[in-house]
Amino acid sequence: MNIERRFYPRKIIKLDVKLAIDAQTFHTKTINLSLNGVQLQATAELILDLEQMAIQPLAGLINFHIPQGQAMAIPFRLITKRRLNQQQYILGLKFIELTSQQQCQLEEYIRGY
């Protein structure tokens, strides 16, 4: 039996997302979501594009739509990048500056999922 010990537990949730970084946009999907951040699927092509950007730490705006809720646009910072194989990666993003409304919507969605 696994006991969740995270302060912000992750929920496996698949959503389409758009990352806006330095006037460029990238499309991908979530793996899981918490009140503190999100893990994303990433291709080798997306990783190459992100590595060529001259922004450190990598930060931007993540846009997604919660079913039966509003569209979300949340500032983020890249925390982790993990390679699964030659073509697949996982990105870990931390949400920064969540509004109280965004936090309430995310909390309600995650709790009900």
N, C-alpha and C. Protein backbone atom coordinates (compact mmCIF):
# COMPACT_ATOMS: atom_id res chain seq x y z
N MET A 1 0.83 -1.18 0.00
CA MET A 1 0.00 0.00 0.00
C MET A 1 0.88 1.25 0.00
N ASN A 2 0.64 2.13 -0.96
CA ASN A 2 1.38 3.38 -1.06
C ASN A 2 0.67 4.47 -0.28
N ILE A 3 1.41 5.17 0.54
CA ILE A 3 0.84 6.29 1.29
C ILE A 3 1.39 7.57 0.69
N GLU A 4 0.50 8.46 0.29
CA GLU A 4 0.91 9.75 -0.30
C GLU A 4 1.40 10.65 0.82
N ARG A 5 2.67 11.08 0.72
CA ARG A 5 3.25 11.92 1.75
C ARG A 5 3.55 13.33 1.24
N ARG A 6 3.18 13.61 0.02
CA ARG A 6 3.44 14.93 -0.54
C ARG A 6 2.51 15.96 0.10
N PHE A 7 3.02 17.17 0.26
CA PHE A 7 2.18 18.25 0.77
C PHE A 7 1.08 18.58 -0.23
N TYR A 8 1.42 18.53 -1.54
CA TYR A 8 0.46 18.71 -2.62
C TYR A 8 0.40 17.43 -3.43
N PRO A 9 -0.48 16.50 -3.10
CA PRO A 9 -0.54 15.21 -3.82
C PRO A 9 -0.80 15.40 -5.32
N ARG A 10 -0.18 14.54 -6.11
CA ARG A 10 -0.36 14.56 -7.57
C ARG A 10 -1.53 13.67 -7.95
N LYS A 11 -2.27 14.11 -8.97
CA LYS A 11 -3.34 13.30 -9.54
C LYS A 11 -3.03 13.08 -11.00
N ILE A 12 -3.19 11.84 -11.47
CA ILE A 12 -2.97 11.54 -12.88
C ILE A 12 -4.11 12.16 -13.67
N ILE A 13 -3.79 13.18 -14.44
CA ILE A 13 -4.79 13.94 -15.20
C ILE A 13 -4.18 14.26 -16.56
N LYS A 14 -4.90 13.92 -17.62
CA LYS A 14 -4.42 14.18 -18.98
C LYS A 14 -5.16 15.40 -19.54
N LEU A 15 -4.42 16.48 -19.77
CA LEU A 15 -4.97 17.71 -20.35
C LEU A 15 -4.03 18.21 -21.44
N ASP A 16 -4.58 18.81 -22.47
CA ASP A 16 -3.77 19.50 -23.47
C ASP A 16 -3.31 20.82 -22.87
N VAL A 17 -2.03 21.15 -23.07
CA VAL A 17 -1.51 22.41 -22.55
C VAL A 17 -0.72 23.15 -23.62
N LYS A 18 -0.62 24.44 -23.42
CA LYS A 18 0.20 25.28 -24.28
C LYS A 18 1.17 26.04 -23.38
N LEU A 19 2.45 25.95 -23.69
CA LEU A 19 3.46 26.70 -22.96
C LEU A 19 3.83 27.94 -23.77
N ALA A 20 3.81 29.08 -23.14
CA ALA A 20 4.23 30.33 -23.77
C ALA A 20 5.52 30.77 -23.09
N ILE A 21 6.61 30.74 -23.86
CA ILE A 21 7.93 31.07 -23.33
C ILE A 21 8.61 32.03 -24.30
N ASP A 22 8.89 33.23 -23.83
CA ASP A 22 9.65 34.19 -24.62
C ASP A 22 9.10 34.33 -26.05
N ALA A 23 7.80 34.60 -26.18
CA ALA A 23 7.10 34.82 -27.46
C ALA A 23 7.00 33.57 -28.34
N GLN A 24 7.32 32.41 -27.82
CA GLN A 24 7.15 31.16 -28.56
C GLN A 24 6.12 30.30 -27.82
N THR A 25 5.40 29.47 -28.57
CA THR A 25 4.44 28.57 -27.94
C THR A 25 4.78 27.12 -28.28
N PHE A 26 4.50 26.24 -27.33
CA PHE A 26 4.75 24.82 -27.47
C PHE A 26 3.52 24.08 -26.95
N HIS A 27 3.14 23.00 -27.62
CA HIS A 27 1.96 22.23 -27.23
C HIS A 27 2.39 20.84 -26.74
N THR A 28 1.76 20.41 -25.65
CA THR A 28 2.03 19.08 -25.10
C THR A 28 0.86 18.65 -24.22
N LYS A 29 1.05 17.61 -23.42
CA LYS A 29 0.00 17.09 -22.55
C LYS A 29 0.53 16.88 -21.13
N THR A 30 -0.39 16.97 -20.18
CA THR A 30 -0.01 16.72 -18.79
C THR A 30 0.08 15.21 -18.54
N ILE A 31 0.89 14.87 -17.55
CA ILE A 31 0.95 13.51 -17.02
C ILE A 31 0.20 13.50 -15.69
N ASN A 32 0.53 14.48 -14.86
CA ASN A 32 -0.18 14.62 -13.59
C ASN A 32 -0.18 16.08 -13.17
N LEU A 33 -1.01 16.37 -12.19
CA LEU A 33 -1.26 17.75 -11.78
C LEU A 33 -1.38 17.81 -10.27
N SER A 34 -0.86 18.87 -9.67
CA SER A 34 -1.04 19.13 -8.25
C SER A 34 -1.27 20.63 -8.08
N LEU A 35 -1.51 21.06 -6.85
CA LEU A 35 -1.67 22.49 -6.60
C LEU A 35 -0.35 23.25 -6.72
N ASN A 36 0.75 22.52 -6.69
CA ASN A 36 2.06 23.15 -6.72
C ASN A 36 2.69 23.15 -8.11
N GLY A 37 2.21 22.26 -9.01
CA GLY A 37 2.82 22.19 -10.32
C GLY A 37 2.25 21.07 -11.16
N VAL A 38 2.99 20.73 -12.22
CA VAL A 38 2.50 19.77 -13.19
C VAL A 38 3.69 19.04 -13.81
N GLN A 39 3.46 17.77 -14.19
CA GLN A 39 4.43 17.06 -15.00
C GLN A 39 3.86 16.96 -16.40
N LEU A 40 4.75 17.16 -17.39
CA LEU A 40 4.34 17.16 -18.79
C LEU A 40 5.10 16.12 -19.59
N GLN A 41 4.45 15.61 -20.64
CA GLN A 41 5.11 14.79 -21.64
C GLN A 41 5.93 15.73 -22.51
N ALA A 42 7.09 15.28 -22.94
CA ALA A 42 7.91 16.11 -23.84
C ALA A 42 8.64 15.21 -24.83
N THR A 43 8.70 15.65 -26.07
CA THR A 43 9.44 14.94 -27.10
C THR A 43 10.87 15.47 -27.13
N ALA A 44 11.74 14.73 -27.78
CA ALA A 44 13.13 15.18 -27.94
C ALA A 44 13.17 16.51 -28.69
N GLU A 45 12.26 16.69 -29.64
CA GLU A 45 12.19 17.95 -30.40
C GLU A 45 11.85 19.13 -29.49
N LEU A 46 10.89 18.95 -28.61
CA LEU A 46 10.53 20.01 -27.67
C LEU A 46 11.70 20.33 -26.74
N ILE A 47 12.38 19.31 -26.25
CA ILE A 47 13.54 19.52 -25.37
C ILE A 47 14.62 20.31 -26.09
N LEU A 48 14.90 19.96 -27.34
CA LEU A 48 15.90 20.68 -28.12
C LEU A 48 15.52 22.15 -28.27
N ASP A 49 14.24 22.41 -28.58
CA ASP A 49 13.77 23.80 -28.70
C ASP A 49 13.94 24.56 -27.39
N LEU A 50 13.61 23.93 -26.28
CA LEU A 50 13.72 24.59 -24.98
C LEU A 50 15.18 24.84 -24.60
N GLU A 51 16.05 23.89 -24.92
CA GLU A 51 17.48 24.04 -24.58
C GLU A 51 18.14 25.15 -25.39
N GLN A 52 17.60 25.46 -26.57
CA GLN A 52 18.18 26.52 -27.40
C GLN A 52 17.76 27.92 -26.95
N MET A 53 16.81 28.00 -26.05
CA MET A 53 16.37 29.30 -25.55
C MET A 53 17.40 29.79 -24.53
N ALA A 54 17.64 31.07 -24.54
CA ALA A 54 18.67 31.65 -23.66
C ALA A 54 18.06 32.17 -22.36
N ILE A 55 17.10 31.44 -21.81
CA ILE A 55 16.44 31.86 -20.58
C ILE A 55 16.83 30.87 -19.48
N GLN A 56 17.39 31.38 -18.40
CA GLN A 56 17.74 30.55 -17.25
C GLN A 56 17.36 31.29 -15.98
N PRO A 57 16.58 30.75 -15.10
CA PRO A 57 15.88 29.49 -15.27
C PRO A 57 14.74 29.65 -16.29
N LEU A 58 14.40 28.55 -16.94
CA LEU A 58 13.34 28.56 -17.94
C LEU A 58 12.00 28.80 -17.25
N ALA A 59 11.30 29.83 -17.68
CA ALA A 59 10.01 30.19 -17.07
C ALA A 59 9.10 30.73 -18.16
N GLY A 60 7.82 30.71 -17.88
CA GLY A 60 6.85 31.22 -18.84
C GLY A 60 5.44 31.10 -18.29
N LEU A 61 4.49 30.88 -19.19
CA LEU A 61 3.08 30.79 -18.83
C LEU A 61 2.53 29.48 -19.38
N ILE A 62 1.87 28.69 -18.53
CA ILE A 62 1.24 27.46 -18.98
C ILE A 62 -0.26 27.73 -19.09
N ASN A 63 -0.84 27.35 -20.21
CA ASN A 63 -2.26 27.56 -20.48
C ASN A 63 -2.94 26.21 -20.66
N PHE A 64 -4.05 26.01 -19.96
CA PHE A 64 -4.84 24.80 -20.11
C PHE A 64 -6.27 25.09 -19.68
N HIS A 65 -7.16 24.19 -20.02
CA HIS A 65 -8.58 24.35 -19.69
C HIS A 65 -9.02 23.19 -18.82
N ILE A 66 -9.57 23.51 -17.68
CA ILE A 66 -10.11 22.49 -16.79
C ILE A 66 -11.53 22.19 -17.23
N PRO A 67 -11.86 20.92 -17.45
CA PRO A 67 -13.24 20.59 -17.83
C PRO A 67 -14.24 21.17 -16.81
N GLN A 68 -15.29 21.76 -17.33
CA GLN A 68 -16.34 22.40 -16.52
C GLN A 68 -15.77 23.52 -15.65
N GLY A 69 -14.75 24.18 -16.16
CA GLY A 69 -14.14 25.29 -15.44
C GLY A 69 -13.59 26.29 -16.43
N GLN A 70 -12.88 27.25 -15.92
CA GLN A 70 -12.32 28.29 -16.77
C GLN A 70 -10.97 27.88 -17.33
N ALA A 71 -10.58 28.59 -18.38
CA ALA A 71 -9.23 28.42 -18.91
C ALA A 71 -8.25 28.96 -17.86
N MET A 72 -7.14 28.28 -17.71
CA MET A 72 -6.13 28.68 -16.74
C MET A 72 -4.89 29.16 -17.47
N ALA A 73 -4.29 30.21 -16.98
CA ALA A 73 -3.01 30.72 -17.48
C ALA A 73 -2.17 31.01 -16.24
N ILE A 74 -1.18 30.17 -15.99
CA ILE A 74 -0.43 30.23 -14.74
C ILE A 74 1.07 30.37 -15.03
N PRO A 75 1.73 31.32 -14.40
CA PRO A 75 3.18 31.43 -14.54
C PRO A 75 3.85 30.18 -13.96
N PHE A 76 4.94 29.73 -14.61
CA PHE A 76 5.66 28.55 -14.14
C PHE A 76 7.16 28.74 -14.27
N ARG A 77 7.86 27.83 -13.60
CA ARG A 77 9.32 27.74 -13.73
C ARG A 77 9.64 26.26 -13.91
N LEU A 78 10.53 25.94 -14.85
CA LEU A 78 10.96 24.56 -15.06
C LEU A 78 11.84 24.11 -13.90
N ILE A 79 11.47 22.99 -13.29
CA ILE A 79 12.21 22.46 -12.14
C ILE A 79 13.02 21.22 -12.52
N THR A 80 12.40 20.29 -13.26
CA THR A 80 13.10 19.05 -13.61
C THR A 80 12.88 18.68 -15.07
N LYS A 81 13.86 17.97 -15.61
CA LYS A 81 13.76 17.39 -16.95
C LYS A 81 14.33 16.00 -16.83
N ARG A 82 13.52 14.99 -17.14
CA ARG A 82 13.97 13.60 -17.01
C ARG A 82 13.79 12.86 -18.32
N ARG A 83 14.84 12.22 -18.77
CA ARG A 83 14.80 11.46 -20.02
C ARG A 83 14.31 10.04 -19.75
N LEU A 84 13.28 9.63 -20.50
CA LEU A 84 12.76 8.27 -20.37
C LEU A 84 13.41 7.34 -21.40
N ASN A 85 13.57 7.85 -22.63
CA ASN A 85 14.25 7.12 -23.71
C ASN A 85 14.70 8.16 -24.73
N GLN A 86 15.09 7.74 -25.92
CA GLN A 86 15.62 8.69 -26.90
C GLN A 86 14.62 9.75 -27.33
N GLN A 87 13.35 9.43 -27.30
CA GLN A 87 12.34 10.36 -27.81
C GLN A 87 11.39 10.93 -26.76
N GLN A 88 11.40 10.41 -25.55
CA GLN A 88 10.44 10.83 -24.54
C GLN A 88 11.11 11.37 -23.28
N TYR A 89 10.57 12.48 -22.81
CA TYR A 89 11.04 13.12 -21.59
C TYR A 89 9.85 13.48 -20.72
N ILE A 90 10.14 13.75 -19.46
CA ILE A 90 9.15 14.30 -18.54
C ILE A 90 9.69 15.64 -18.05
N LEU A 91 8.85 16.66 -18.11
CA LEU A 91 9.20 17.98 -17.57
C LEU A 91 8.41 18.21 -16.29
N GLY A 92 9.06 18.72 -15.28
CA GLY A 92 8.39 19.10 -14.04
C GLY A 92 8.36 20.61 -13.92
N LEU A 93 7.15 21.17 -13.88
CA LEU A 93 6.98 22.62 -13.77
C LEU A 93 6.40 22.98 -12.42
N LYS A 94 6.90 24.03 -11.83
CA LYS A 94 6.37 24.55 -10.56
C LYS A 94 5.53 25.79 -10.88
N PHE A 95 4.30 25.82 -10.35
CA PHE A 95 3.47 27.00 -10.51
C PHE A 95 4.00 28.11 -9.61
N ILE A 96 4.02 29.32 -10.14
CA ILE A 96 4.40 30.48 -9.33
C ILE A 96 3.30 31.52 -9.49
N GLU A 97 3.01 32.22 -8.41
CA GLU A 97 2.01 33.29 -8.42
C GLU A 97 0.61 32.84 -8.82
N LEU A 98 0.14 31.74 -8.22
CA LEU A 98 -1.26 31.34 -8.43
C LEU A 98 -2.18 32.36 -7.77
N THR A 99 -3.23 32.77 -8.47
CA THR A 99 -4.22 33.64 -7.84
C THR A 99 -5.08 32.78 -6.91
N SER A 100 -5.77 33.40 -5.99
CA SER A 100 -6.63 32.63 -5.08
C SER A 100 -7.74 31.93 -5.86
N GLN A 101 -8.24 32.57 -6.92
CA GLN A 101 -9.28 31.95 -7.75
C GLN A 101 -8.73 30.71 -8.47
N GLN A 102 -7.53 30.82 -9.03
CA GLN A 102 -6.91 29.69 -9.70
C GLN A 102 -6.67 28.55 -8.72
N GLN A 103 -6.19 28.89 -7.53
CA GLN A 103 -5.92 27.87 -6.53
C GLN A 103 -7.22 27.15 -6.13
N CYS A 104 -8.29 27.89 -5.95
CA CYS A 104 -9.58 27.28 -5.59
C CYS A 104 -10.09 26.38 -6.71
N GLN A 105 -9.99 26.83 -7.95
CA GLN A 105 -10.45 26.03 -9.09
C GLN A 105 -9.63 24.74 -9.23
N LEU A 106 -8.31 24.86 -9.11
CA LEU A 106 -7.45 23.68 -9.20
C LEU A 106 -7.74 22.70 -8.07
N GLU A 107 -7.86 23.23 -6.86
CA GLU A 107 -8.12 22.39 -5.70
C GLU A 107 -9.43 21.63 -5.86
N GLU A 108 -10.46 22.30 -6.31
CA GLU A 108 -11.77 21.67 -6.51
C GLU A 108 -11.69 20.60 -7.60
N TYR A 109 -10.99 20.92 -8.68
CA TYR A 109 -10.87 19.96 -9.79
C TYR A 109 -10.08 18.73 -9.37
N ILE A 110 -8.95 18.93 -8.72
CA ILE A 110 -8.10 17.82 -8.31
C ILE A 110 -8.82 16.96 -7.27
N ARG A 111 -9.49 17.57 -6.33
CA ARG A 111 -10.21 16.82 -5.30
C ARG A 111 -11.33 15.97 -5.90
N GLY A 112 -11.99 16.48 -6.95
CA GLY A 112 -13.10 15.78 -7.55
C GLY A 112 -12.71 14.80 -8.63
N TYR A 113 -11.43 14.76 -8.95
CA TYR A 113 -10.99 13.90 -10.06
C TYR A 113 -10.79 12.48 -9.60
